[in-house]
């Protein structure tokens, strides 16, 4: 966060309020960062450019037996699908009246400042959560503007027909139609283990994170499935191989995917996400706050501006499943 103050404000009655306001803003930012799902789901990147291009490469061919004094075989690889992400500009402002300062209404000032920072951070979380919630579409409307949320291959992040740029493998799916259960968690994990690159090589994707809405029913199912050393579907005499292996991320902002009859749930490989820059959150300009003095109203106006964007790049890091989803692949 970058906070700047003008000399005109410092020379006014607002001068004494500047440091307390700054402290409140920074405290709220720090508090929200601790609760953010963005840090747990997205590969966070920074840029100094207008937009960033992210791409993938196909794998190289395998080693071959050549015998004694055999020649080195030649192998090659090519650029895969690519994705361009352009950070969007986000703005907002609020004002503190001179009367508030004159009457020492710091409680109201704190309230306004807290609400302002809550709005900024809530906007970021809502944007991230909606990107996941409508991940079976290629566009997303947020704040009255349409955003391109397609993957590098041009398909939705969650799709049943992700193509190969080389034709080295058949279309692949990371969208399934089952409710969360111990068995479906096992099947979904297996599906991700067999995700292939464009040349048909198995990538051994290893999911380690379960992403769910903050709802009691599905939270109960998830923690029952992974929270005991014994298999919850048996008479407690079988080992639960899911125990102690999963990170759980849940958000109240995750919505039901359109066309489903229940809560969606997602598996993600956080290591693959970082290595392949799969789900990207791109920061261009951090939250920048500027304090000015309005000559017409005598108000202390705080204006805030930031530039950031997000989009999926490589779909292989994540799988989504939801009950009743028409056209989805069955486990």
Protein backbone atom coordinates (compact mmCIF):
# COMPACT_ATOMS: atom_id res chain seq x y z
CA UNK A 1 0.00 0.00 0.00
CA UNK A 2 1.27 3.48 -0.91
CA UNK A 3 -0.12 6.47 0.99
CA UNK A 4 0.70 10.07 0.02
CA UNK A 5 -0.36 13.30 1.70
CA UNK A 6 -0.41 16.85 0.33
CA UNK A 7 1.10 19.83 2.11
CA UNK A 8 -2.19 21.65 1.86
CA UNK A 9 -3.82 19.03 4.06
CA UNK A 10 -0.96 18.94 6.53
CA UNK A 11 -1.28 22.71 7.06
CA UNK A 12 -4.98 22.45 7.81
CA UNK A 13 -6.95 21.13 10.75
CA UNK A 14 -6.73 17.73 9.11
CA UNK A 15 -3.00 17.50 9.74
CA UNK A 16 -3.33 15.83 13.13
CA UNK A 17 -5.70 13.19 11.73
CA UNK A 18 -3.41 12.03 8.92
CA UNK A 19 -1.27 9.60 10.90
CA UNK A 20 -4.19 7.93 12.73
CA UNK A 21 -6.00 7.49 9.40
CA UNK A 22 -2.89 6.03 7.84
CA UNK A 23 -2.54 3.58 10.73
CA UNK A 24 -6.19 2.48 10.42
CA UNK A 25 -5.80 1.90 6.67
CA UNK A 26 -2.68 -0.20 7.15
CA UNK A 27 -4.22 -2.21 10.01
CA UNK A 28 -7.26 -3.09 7.91
CA UNK A 29 -5.11 -4.09 4.93
CA UNK A 30 -3.01 -6.40 7.10
CA UNK A 31 -6.11 -7.98 8.68
CA UNK A 32 -7.68 -8.74 5.30
CA UNK A 33 -4.49 -10.24 3.91
CA UNK A 34 -4.59 -12.87 6.66
CA UNK A 35 -8.08 -13.96 5.56
CA UNK A 36 -7.57 -13.72 1.80
CA UNK A 37 -8.19 -16.75 -0.40
CA UNK A 38 -6.14 -15.14 -3.18
CA UNK A 39 -2.82 -16.03 -1.57
CA UNK A 40 -3.89 -19.67 -1.22
CA UNK A 41 -5.29 -20.21 -4.72
CA UNK A 42 -3.50 -17.96 -7.21
CA UNK A 43 0.06 -17.67 -8.43
CA UNK A 44 0.73 -14.02 -7.59
CA UNK A 45 2.87 -12.14 -10.06
CA UNK A 46 3.86 -8.50 -10.53
CA UNK A 47 4.48 -6.56 -13.71
CA UNK A 48 5.68 -3.16 -14.88
CA UNK A 49 4.11 -3.62 -18.30
CA UNK A 50 0.71 -2.89 -19.78
CA UNK A 51 0.02 -6.63 -20.03
CA UNK A 52 1.81 -9.94 -19.49
CA UNK A 53 1.88 -12.98 -21.75
CA UNK A 54 2.00 -16.42 -20.17
CA UNK A 55 2.72 -19.52 -22.20
CA UNK A 56 3.46 -23.21 -21.87
CA UNK A 57 5.87 -25.54 -23.58
CA UNK A 58 5.31 -29.10 -24.69
CA UNK A 59 7.50 -31.72 -23.07
CA UNK A 60 10.63 -33.14 -24.66
CA UNK A 61 10.79 -36.70 -25.96
CA UNK A 62 12.00 -39.52 -23.73
CA UNK A 63 15.54 -40.87 -23.60
CA UNK A 64 16.14 -43.79 -25.96
CA UNK A 65 18.41 -46.83 -25.73
CA UNK A 66 21.20 -46.42 -28.34
CA UNK A 67 23.71 -49.12 -27.43
CA UNK A 68 27.45 -48.74 -27.24
CA UNK A 69 28.79 -45.62 -29.03
CA UNK A 70 25.29 -44.88 -30.24
CA UNK A 71 24.36 -41.46 -31.60
CA UNK A 72 22.48 -38.94 -29.53
CA UNK A 73 18.85 -38.82 -30.64
CA UNK A 74 17.41 -35.39 -31.27
CA UNK A 75 14.40 -34.16 -29.36
CA UNK A 76 12.40 -30.98 -29.66
CA UNK A 77 9.60 -29.08 -28.03
CA UNK A 78 7.37 -26.23 -29.02
CA UNK A 79 5.47 -23.37 -27.46
CA UNK A 80 2.04 -24.35 -26.26
CA UNK A 81 -1.04 -22.23 -25.85
CA UNK A 82 -0.52 -18.72 -24.46
CA UNK A 83 -2.59 -16.28 -22.42
CA UNK A 84 -2.34 -12.48 -22.22
CA UNK A 85 -3.51 -10.82 -19.00
CA UNK A 86 -4.09 -7.07 -18.88
CA UNK A 87 -4.43 -5.53 -15.40
CA UNK A 88 -7.62 -3.53 -14.91
CA UNK A 89 -7.71 -0.13 -13.16
CA UNK A 90 -9.83 0.03 -9.99
CA UNK A 91 -10.76 3.30 -8.23
CA UNK A 92 -12.78 4.59 -5.28
CA UNK A 93 -12.77 7.56 -2.86
CA UNK A 94 -14.17 8.79 0.45
CA UNK A 95 -14.18 12.10 2.29
CA UNK A 96 -13.77 13.27 5.88
CA UNK A 97 -15.48 16.55 6.72
CA UNK A 98 -13.81 19.37 8.59
CA UNK A 99 -16.64 19.24 11.11
CA UNK A 100 -15.67 15.65 12.00
CA UNK A 101 -12.15 16.78 12.79
CA UNK A 102 -13.23 19.96 14.59
CA UNK A 103 -15.63 17.99 16.80
CA UNK A 104 -13.04 15.23 17.38
CA UNK A 105 -15.30 12.56 15.89
CA UNK A 106 -12.44 10.08 15.42
CA UNK A 107 -14.85 7.21 15.98
CA UNK A 108 -16.72 8.16 12.80
CA UNK A 109 -13.44 8.68 10.97
CA UNK A 110 -12.27 5.20 11.97
CA UNK A 111 -15.60 3.72 10.89
CA UNK A 112 -15.40 5.37 7.47
CA UNK A 113 -11.82 4.27 7.00
CA UNK A 114 -12.55 0.69 8.04
CA UNK A 115 -15.50 0.52 5.65
CA UNK A 116 -13.40 1.87 2.80
CA UNK A 117 -10.66 -0.73 3.23
CA UNK A 118 -13.27 -3.45 3.67
CA UNK A 119 -14.78 -2.44 0.33
CA UNK A 120 -11.42 -2.63 -1.46
CA UNK A 121 -10.43 -6.01 -0.06
CA UNK A 122 -13.93 -7.42 -0.45
CA UNK A 123 -13.85 -6.42 -4.12
CA UNK A 124 -10.62 -8.38 -4.64
CA UNK A 125 -12.01 -11.44 -2.87
CA UNK A 126 -15.30 -11.27 -4.76
CA UNK A 127 -13.44 -11.03 -8.07
CA UNK A 128 -11.27 -14.05 -7.24
CA UNK A 129 -14.19 -16.12 -5.97
CA UNK A 130 -16.42 -15.30 -8.92
CA UNK A 131 -13.67 -16.26 -11.35
CA UNK A 132 -13.84 -19.74 -9.80
CA UNK A 133 -17.64 -19.80 -9.47
CA UNK A 134 -18.18 -19.11 -13.19
CA UNK A 135 -15.11 -21.08 -14.22
CA UNK A 136 -17.15 -23.18 -16.65
CA UNK A 137 -17.61 -20.04 -18.80
CA UNK A 138 -15.10 -18.07 -20.87
CA UNK A 139 -16.33 -14.60 -19.85
CA UNK A 140 -17.32 -13.04 -16.55
CA UNK A 141 -19.28 -9.88 -15.85
CA UNK A 142 -18.04 -8.07 -12.76
CA UNK A 143 -18.96 -4.53 -11.78
CA UNK A 144 -20.70 -4.03 -15.12
CA UNK A 145 -17.63 -4.95 -17.18
CA UNK A 146 -16.95 -8.19 -19.07
CA UNK A 147 -13.67 -10.00 -18.41
CA UNK A 148 -12.05 -12.73 -20.47
CA UNK A 149 -11.54 -15.69 -18.10
CA UNK A 150 -10.75 -18.34 -20.70
CA UNK A 151 -7.66 -20.51 -20.36
CA UNK A 152 -4.70 -20.31 -22.71
CA UNK A 153 -6.32 -23.02 -24.87
CA UNK A 154 -9.39 -20.81 -25.40
CA UNK A 155 -11.65 -23.08 -23.36
CA UNK A 156 -13.27 -22.31 -20.03
CA UNK A 157 -11.11 -23.03 -17.00
CA UNK A 158 -13.43 -25.97 -16.23
CA UNK A 159 -14.27 -27.83 -19.42
CA UNK A 160 -14.73 -31.37 -20.73
CA UNK A 161 -12.87 -30.78 -24.00
CA UNK A 162 -9.48 -29.19 -23.37
CA UNK A 163 -7.54 -29.70 -26.64
CA UNK A 164 -3.88 -30.49 -27.35
CA UNK A 165 -1.94 -27.98 -29.48
CA UNK A 166 0.11 -30.80 -30.99
CA UNK A 167 -2.67 -33.36 -31.25
CA UNK A 168 -0.58 -35.59 -29.01
CA UNK A 169 -3.50 -36.55 -26.80
CA UNK A 170 -7.27 -36.68 -26.92
CA UNK A 171 -9.36 -33.92 -25.39
CA UNK A 172 -9.21 -33.90 -21.58
CA UNK A 173 -11.70 -32.97 -18.88
CA UNK A 174 -11.37 -31.21 -15.53
CA UNK A 175 -15.12 -30.74 -15.06
CA UNK A 176 -17.12 -33.49 -13.34
CA UNK A 177 -20.68 -33.98 -12.21
CA UNK A 178 -20.48 -35.54 -8.76
CA UNK A 179 -21.24 -34.33 -5.25
CA UNK A 180 -18.47 -34.36 -2.67
CA UNK A 181 -17.94 -37.69 -0.95
CA UNK A 182 -15.03 -39.76 0.27
CA UNK A 183 -15.19 -41.92 -2.86
CA UNK A 184 -15.54 -39.00 -5.29
CA UNK A 185 -12.58 -37.26 -3.63
CA UNK A 186 -10.54 -40.38 -4.35
CA UNK A 187 -11.75 -40.58 -7.96
CA UNK A 188 -11.10 -36.88 -8.59
CA UNK A 189 -7.57 -37.16 -7.22
CA UNK A 190 -6.92 -40.11 -9.53
CA UNK A 191 -8.19 -38.16 -12.54
CA UNK A 192 -5.72 -35.37 -11.81
CA UNK A 193 -2.85 -37.83 -11.44
CA UNK A 194 -3.41 -38.78 -15.08
CA UNK A 195 -3.64 -35.31 -16.60
CA UNK A 196 -1.37 -35.19 -19.66
CA UNK A 197 0.57 -32.46 -21.40
CA UNK A 198 0.06 -31.65 -25.08
CA UNK A 199 2.43 -34.45 -26.14
CA UNK A 200 0.50 -37.05 -24.17
CA UNK A 201 2.99 -37.31 -21.29
CA UNK A 202 1.48 -37.93 -17.84
CA UNK A 203 2.29 -34.95 -15.63
CA UNK A 204 1.70 -36.61 -12.23
CA UNK A 205 -0.33 -33.65 -11.01
CA UNK A 206 -0.70 -34.09 -7.25
CA UNK A 207 -3.60 -32.11 -5.77
CA UNK A 208 -3.10 -30.95 -2.19
CA UNK A 209 -5.86 -28.34 -1.73
CA UNK A 210 -9.64 -28.64 -1.48
CA UNK A 211 -11.60 -25.46 -2.27
CA UNK A 212 -15.21 -25.25 -1.09
CA UNK A 213 -17.88 -22.64 -0.25
CA UNK A 214 -18.19 -21.69 3.41
CA UNK A 215 -21.30 -23.79 3.99
CA UNK A 216 -21.85 -26.12 6.91
CA UNK A 217 -23.14 -29.09 4.88
CA UNK A 218 -20.14 -29.46 2.58
CA UNK A 219 -17.62 -28.45 5.27
CA UNK A 220 -18.99 -31.28 7.40
CA UNK A 221 -18.57 -33.76 4.53
CA UNK A 222 -15.04 -32.63 3.76
CA UNK A 223 -13.75 -32.72 7.31
CA UNK A 224 -15.42 -36.08 7.92
CA UNK A 225 -13.69 -37.45 4.84
CA UNK A 226 -10.18 -36.24 5.67
CA UNK A 227 -10.18 -35.65 9.43
CA UNK A 228 -9.90 -39.18 10.75
CA UNK A 229 -7.20 -41.84 10.51
CA UNK A 230 -9.93 -44.38 9.74
CA UNK A 231 -12.08 -44.54 6.62
CA UNK A 232 -15.40 -42.83 7.44
CA UNK A 233 -17.29 -45.02 4.95
CA UNK A 234 -16.44 -48.26 6.81
CA UNK A 235 -16.83 -49.56 10.34
CA UNK A 236 -13.65 -47.68 11.27
CA UNK A 237 -11.39 -50.62 10.53
CA UNK A 238 -9.84 -49.38 7.29
CA UNK A 239 -7.08 -46.83 6.90
CA UNK A 240 -8.08 -43.41 5.57
CA UNK A 241 -5.39 -42.53 3.04
CA UNK A 242 -6.74 -38.96 2.81
CA UNK A 243 -5.96 -38.22 6.45
CA UNK A 244 -3.50 -35.37 6.98
CA UNK A 245 -2.88 -34.81 3.24
CA UNK A 246 -5.12 -31.86 2.36
CA UNK A 247 -5.23 -28.12 2.83
CA UNK A 248 -8.75 -26.67 3.00
CA UNK A 249 -9.66 -23.27 1.54
CA UNK A 250 -13.23 -22.03 1.90
CA UNK A 251 -14.86 -18.73 1.11
CA UNK A 252 -18.34 -17.28 1.72
CA UNK A 253 -18.06 -15.61 -1.69
CA UNK A 254 -17.95 -18.84 -3.70
CA UNK A 255 -21.25 -19.22 -5.53
CA UNK A 256 -22.96 -22.27 -6.96
CA UNK A 257 -21.92 -22.99 -10.52
CA UNK A 258 -24.80 -22.39 -12.93
CA UNK A 259 -26.83 -25.52 -13.66
CA UNK A 260 -25.83 -27.47 -10.56
CA UNK A 261 -28.07 -28.98 -7.91
CA UNK A 262 -25.64 -28.63 -5.00
CA UNK A 263 -22.37 -27.19 -3.78
CA UNK A 264 -19.35 -27.22 -6.06
CA UNK A 265 -15.93 -28.36 -4.85
CA UNK A 266 -12.49 -28.10 -6.39
CA UNK A 267 -9.11 -29.80 -6.07
CA UNK A 268 -5.90 -27.92 -6.80
CA UNK A 269 -2.20 -28.76 -6.98
CA UNK A 270 -0.49 -25.72 -5.42
CA UNK A 271 3.00 -26.88 -6.47
CA UNK A 272 1.93 -27.26 -10.12
CA UNK A 273 0.18 -23.91 -9.88
CA UNK A 274 3.41 -22.15 -8.90
CA UNK A 275 5.65 -24.11 -11.27
CA UNK A 276 3.46 -23.61 -14.35
CA UNK A 277 1.91 -20.23 -13.45
CA UNK A 278 -1.50 -21.79 -13.89
CA UNK A 279 -4.01 -19.56 -12.05
CA UNK A 280 -2.59 -16.05 -12.19
CA UNK A 281 -3.23 -12.98 -10.09
CA UNK A 282 -1.32 -10.11 -11.70
CA UNK A 283 -0.59 -6.94 -9.73
CA UNK A 284 0.50 -3.88 -11.73
CA UNK A 285 0.03 -1.02 -9.24
CA UNK A 286 -0.58 -1.68 -5.51
CA UNK A 287 -3.32 0.14 -3.68
CA UNK A 288 -2.28 3.80 -3.82
CA UNK A 289 -4.07 6.32 -1.58
CA UNK A 290 -3.78 10.08 -2.09
CA UNK A 291 -5.04 12.68 0.38
CA UNK A 292 -6.18 16.05 -0.98
CA UNK A 293 -7.98 19.13 0.33
CA UNK A 294 -11.22 20.19 -1.39
CA UNK A 295 -11.33 24.00 -1.50
CA UNK A 296 -15.09 24.05 -2.17
CA UNK A 297 -16.22 21.79 0.68
CA UNK A 298 -13.27 21.92 3.12
CA UNK A 299 -13.32 18.11 3.04
CA UNK A 300 -10.27 15.90 3.29
CA UNK A 301 -10.72 13.60 0.27
CA UNK A 302 -8.96 10.24 0.11
CA UNK A 303 -8.72 8.75 -3.38
CA UNK A 304 -7.58 5.19 -3.95
CA UNK A 305 -6.40 3.52 -7.13
CA UNK A 306 -5.00 0.10 -7.98
CA UNK A 307 -4.33 -1.99 -11.09
CA UNK A 308 -4.62 -5.74 -11.04
CA UNK A 309 -6.09 -8.59 -13.04
CA UNK A 310 -6.56 -12.33 -12.85
CA UNK A 311 -7.22 -15.21 -15.23
CA UNK A 312 -6.52 -18.92 -15.63
CA UNK A 313 -3.62 -19.96 -17.84
CA UNK A 314 -3.07 -23.72 -17.49
CA UNK A 315 -6.23 -25.65 -16.55
CA UNK A 316 -4.33 -28.73 -15.36
CA UNK A 317 -3.73 -27.34 -11.88
CA UNK A 318 -7.41 -27.54 -10.89
CA UNK A 319 -10.48 -29.78 -11.14
CA UNK A 320 -14.08 -28.85 -10.40
CA UNK A 321 -17.02 -31.07 -9.57
CA UNK A 322 -20.64 -30.28 -8.73
CA UNK A 323 -23.78 -32.44 -8.54
CA UNK A 324 -26.32 -32.27 -11.36
CA UNK A 325 -24.03 -30.44 -13.77
CA UNK A 326 -25.35 -31.15 -17.27
CA UNK A 327 -22.74 -32.35 -19.76
CA UNK A 328 -20.04 -32.85 -17.15
CA UNK A 329 -17.85 -35.95 -17.18
CA UNK A 330 -18.79 -38.76 -14.81
CA UNK A 331 -16.28 -40.24 -12.39
